[in-house]
Amino acid sequence: AVVSTQSGHYGRELTGAEGPDILYFGDHIYGDVVRSKKTNGWKTFLVIPELKHDLDVWTSETKLFERHHQLERKLGEFQAASGPSQDREVIRKLNQERKTVS
């Protein structure tokens, strides 16, 4: 059963469900999700509408993020393998390319 109500008590009466048998959806981390879980023992699901934009950007710019990750990894490997004065030009170029992809 799906119940849309502000009152958990009413939802329990309507369905007969208790505690972990209830999955509560909320969009406020403390007012909805944490309180419902602690007070009633419900399973909770946090709705975060702002994530849609972040996921859209991540999806549309996947290749850019992958390239940035590759450059970060290469730079770290190179710095670990090089001495402090060796190959500064290569490090500078990797850093420069990494900044253009950020």
C-alpha atoms as a PDB file:
ATOM      1  CA  ALA A   1       0.000   0.000   0.000  1.00  0.00           C
ATOM      2  CA  VAL A   2       1.129   3.533  -0.712  1.00  0.00           C
ATOM      3  CA  VAL A   3      -0.020   6.227   1.649  1.00  0.00           C
ATOM      4  CA  SER A   4       0.652   9.912   1.162  1.00  0.00           C
ATOM      5  CA  THR A   5       0.171  11.660   4.460  1.00  0.00           C
ATOM      6  CA  GLN A   6       1.936  13.965   6.880  1.00  0.00           C
ATOM      7  CA  SER A   7       0.815  11.776   9.748  1.00  0.00           C
ATOM      8  CA  GLY A   8       2.656   8.517  10.252  1.00  0.00           C
ATOM      9  CA  HIS A   9       0.013   7.457  12.783  1.00  0.00           C
ATOM     10  CA  TYR A  10      -2.709   7.663  10.143  1.00  0.00           C
ATOM     11  CA  GLY A  11      -0.578   5.685   7.681  1.00  0.00           C
ATOM     12  CA  ARG A  12       0.020   2.913  10.229  1.00  0.00           C
ATOM     13  CA  GLU A  13      -3.695   2.672  11.006  1.00  0.00           C
ATOM     14  CA  LEU A  14      -4.562   2.506   7.322  1.00  0.00           C
ATOM     15  CA  THR A  15      -2.048  -0.201   6.366  1.00  0.00           C
ATOM     16  CA  GLY A  16      -1.429  -2.046   9.625  1.00  0.00           C
ATOM     17  CA  ALA A  17       2.302  -1.774   8.932  1.00  0.00           C
ATOM     18  CA  GLU A  18       4.769  -1.029  11.711  1.00  0.00           C
ATOM     19  CA  GLY A  19       8.424   0.010  12.086  1.00  0.00           C
ATOM     20  CA  PRO A  20      10.730  -1.345   9.380  1.00  0.00           C
ATOM     21  CA  ASP A  21       7.743  -2.403   7.242  1.00  0.00           C
ATOM     22  CA  ILE A  22       7.246   1.266   6.366  1.00  0.00           C
ATOM     23  CA  LEU A  23       9.379   3.055   3.786  1.00  0.00           C
ATOM     24  CA  TYR A  24       9.146   6.800   4.352  1.00  0.00           C
ATOM     25  CA  PHE A  25      10.106   9.278   1.601  1.00  0.00           C
ATOM     26  CA  GLY A  26      11.143  12.750   2.676  1.00  0.00           C
ATOM     27  CA  ASP A  27      13.070  15.719   1.370  1.00  0.00           C
ATOM     28  CA  HIS A  28      14.331  17.102   4.664  1.00  0.00           C
ATOM     29  CA  ILE A  29      17.240  15.221   6.241  1.00  0.00           C
ATOM     30  CA  TYR A  30      16.369  15.970   9.872  1.00  0.00           C
ATOM     31  CA  GLY A  31      12.667  16.811   9.876  1.00  0.00           C
ATOM     32  CA  ASP A  32      11.673  13.848   7.747  1.00  0.00           C
ATOM     33  CA  VAL A  33      14.305  11.181   7.396  1.00  0.00           C
ATOM     34  CA  VAL A  34      16.327  11.114  10.633  1.00  0.00           C
ATOM     35  CA  ARG A  35      13.355  11.761  12.904  1.00  0.00           C
ATOM     36  CA  SER A  36      11.185   9.125  11.185  1.00  0.00           C
ATOM     37  CA  LYS A  37      13.928   6.523  11.422  1.00  0.00           C
ATOM     38  CA  LYS A  38      14.814   7.251  15.056  1.00  0.00           C
ATOM     39  CA  THR A  39      11.310   7.807  16.384  1.00  0.00           C
ATOM     40  CA  ASN A  40       9.386   5.178  14.446  1.00  0.00           C
ATOM     41  CA  GLY A  41      12.040   2.748  13.206  1.00  0.00           C
ATOM     42  CA  TRP A  42      10.921   3.298   9.620  1.00  0.00           C
ATOM     43  CA  LYS A  43      13.111   2.677   6.610  1.00  0.00           C
ATOM     44  CA  THR A  44      13.738   6.036   5.022  1.00  0.00           C
ATOM     45  CA  PHE A  45      14.471   7.378   1.550  1.00  0.00           C
ATOM     46  CA  LEU A  46      15.882  10.867   1.158  1.00  0.00           C
ATOM     47  CA  VAL A  47      14.702  12.751  -1.929  1.00  0.00           C
ATOM     48  CA  ILE A  48      17.298  15.287  -3.130  1.00  0.00           C
ATOM     49  CA  PRO A  49      15.928  17.263  -6.099  1.00  0.00           C
ATOM     50  CA  GLU A  50      19.154  19.273  -6.434  1.00  0.00           C
ATOM     51  CA  LEU A  51      21.036  16.132  -7.491  1.00  0.00           C
ATOM     52  CA  LYS A  52      19.243  16.041 -10.846  1.00  0.00           C
ATOM     53  CA  HIS A  53      21.339  18.932 -12.139  1.00  0.00           C
ATOM     54  CA  ASP A  54      24.560  17.346 -10.841  1.00  0.00           C
ATOM     55  CA  LEU A  55      23.705  14.013 -12.472  1.00  0.00           C
ATOM     56  CA  ASP A  56      22.828  15.739 -15.760  1.00  0.00           C
ATOM     57  CA  VAL A  57      26.204  17.504 -15.774  1.00  0.00           C
ATOM     58  CA  TRP A  58      28.030  14.299 -14.842  1.00  0.00           C
ATOM     59  CA  THR A  59      26.283  12.397 -17.634  1.00  0.00           C
ATOM     60  CA  SER A  60      26.844  15.032 -20.303  1.00  0.00           C
ATOM     61  CA  GLU A  61      30.488  15.645 -19.345  1.00  0.00           C
ATOM     62  CA  THR A  62      31.621  12.078 -18.607  1.00  0.00           C
ATOM     63  CA  LYS A  63      34.565  12.189 -21.024  1.00  0.00           C
ATOM     64  CA  LEU A  64      35.798  15.421 -19.473  1.00  0.00           C
ATOM     65  CA  PHE A  65      35.649  13.943 -15.961  1.00  0.00           C
ATOM     66  CA  GLU A  66      37.429  10.782 -17.154  1.00  0.00           C
ATOM     67  CA  ARG A  67      40.204  12.855 -18.750  1.00  0.00           C
ATOM     68  CA  HIS A  68      40.592  14.912 -15.576  1.00  0.00           C
ATOM     69  CA  HIS A  69      40.890  11.695 -13.548  1.00  0.00           C
ATOM     70  CA  GLN A  70      43.522  10.316 -15.960  1.00  0.00           C
ATOM     71  CA  LEU A  71      45.555  13.504 -15.672  1.00  0.00           C
ATOM     72  CA  GLU A  72      45.334  13.476 -11.872  1.00  0.00           C
ATOM     73  CA  ARG A  73      46.528   9.853 -11.813  1.00  0.00           C
ATOM     74  CA  LYS A  74      49.386  10.512 -14.272  1.00  0.00           C
ATOM     75  CA  LEU A  75      50.504  13.560 -12.355  1.00  0.00           C
ATOM     76  CA  GLY A  76      50.517  11.636  -9.060  1.00  0.00           C
ATOM     77  CA  GLU A  77      52.448   8.722 -10.567  1.00  0.00           C
ATOM     78  CA  PHE A  78      54.948  11.044 -12.200  1.00  0.00           C
ATOM     79  CA  GLN A  79      55.520  13.077  -9.045  1.00  0.00           C
ATOM     80  CA  ALA A  80      56.024   9.906  -7.010  1.00  0.00           C
ATOM     81  CA  ALA A  81      58.580   8.582  -9.514  1.00  0.00           C
ATOM     82  CA  SER A  82      60.450  11.866 -10.079  1.00  0.00           C
ATOM     83  CA  GLY A  83      62.868  13.665  -7.844  1.00  0.00           C
ATOM     84  CA  PRO A  84      62.050  17.218  -6.750  1.00  0.00           C
ATOM     85  CA  SER A  85      64.185  18.846  -9.452  1.00  0.00           C
ATOM     86  CA  GLN A  86      63.581  16.340 -12.259  1.00  0.00           C
ATOM     87  CA  ASP A  87      61.262  16.937 -15.170  1.00  0.00           C
ATOM     88  CA  ARG A  88      59.579  20.071 -13.842  1.00  0.00           C
ATOM     89  CA  GLU A  89      58.489  20.901 -17.375  1.00  0.00           C
ATOM     90  CA  VAL A  90      56.466  17.673 -17.665  1.00  0.00           C
ATOM     91  CA  ILE A  91      54.819  18.314 -14.306  1.00  0.00           C
ATOM     92  CA  ARG A  92      54.035  21.894 -15.346  1.00  0.00           C
ATOM     93  CA  LYS A  93      52.434  20.707 -18.613  1.00  0.00           C
ATOM     94  CA  LEU A  94      50.347  18.032 -16.867  1.00  0.00           C
ATOM     95  CA  ASN A  95      49.183  20.588 -14.294  1.00  0.00           C
ATOM     96  CA  GLN A  96      48.346  23.059 -17.047  1.00  0.00           C
ATOM     97  CA  GLU A  97      46.285  20.502 -18.982  1.00  0.00           C
ATOM     98  CA  ARG A  98      44.575  19.364 -15.778  1.00  0.00           C
ATOM     99  CA  LYS A  99      43.517  22.951 -15.027  1.00  0.00           C
ATOM    100  CA  THR A 100      42.029  23.374 -18.503  1.00  0.00           C
ATOM    101  CA  VAL A 101      39.820  20.326 -17.943  1.00  0.00           C
ATOM    102  CA  SER A 102      38.682  21.358 -14.458  1.00  0.00           C
END
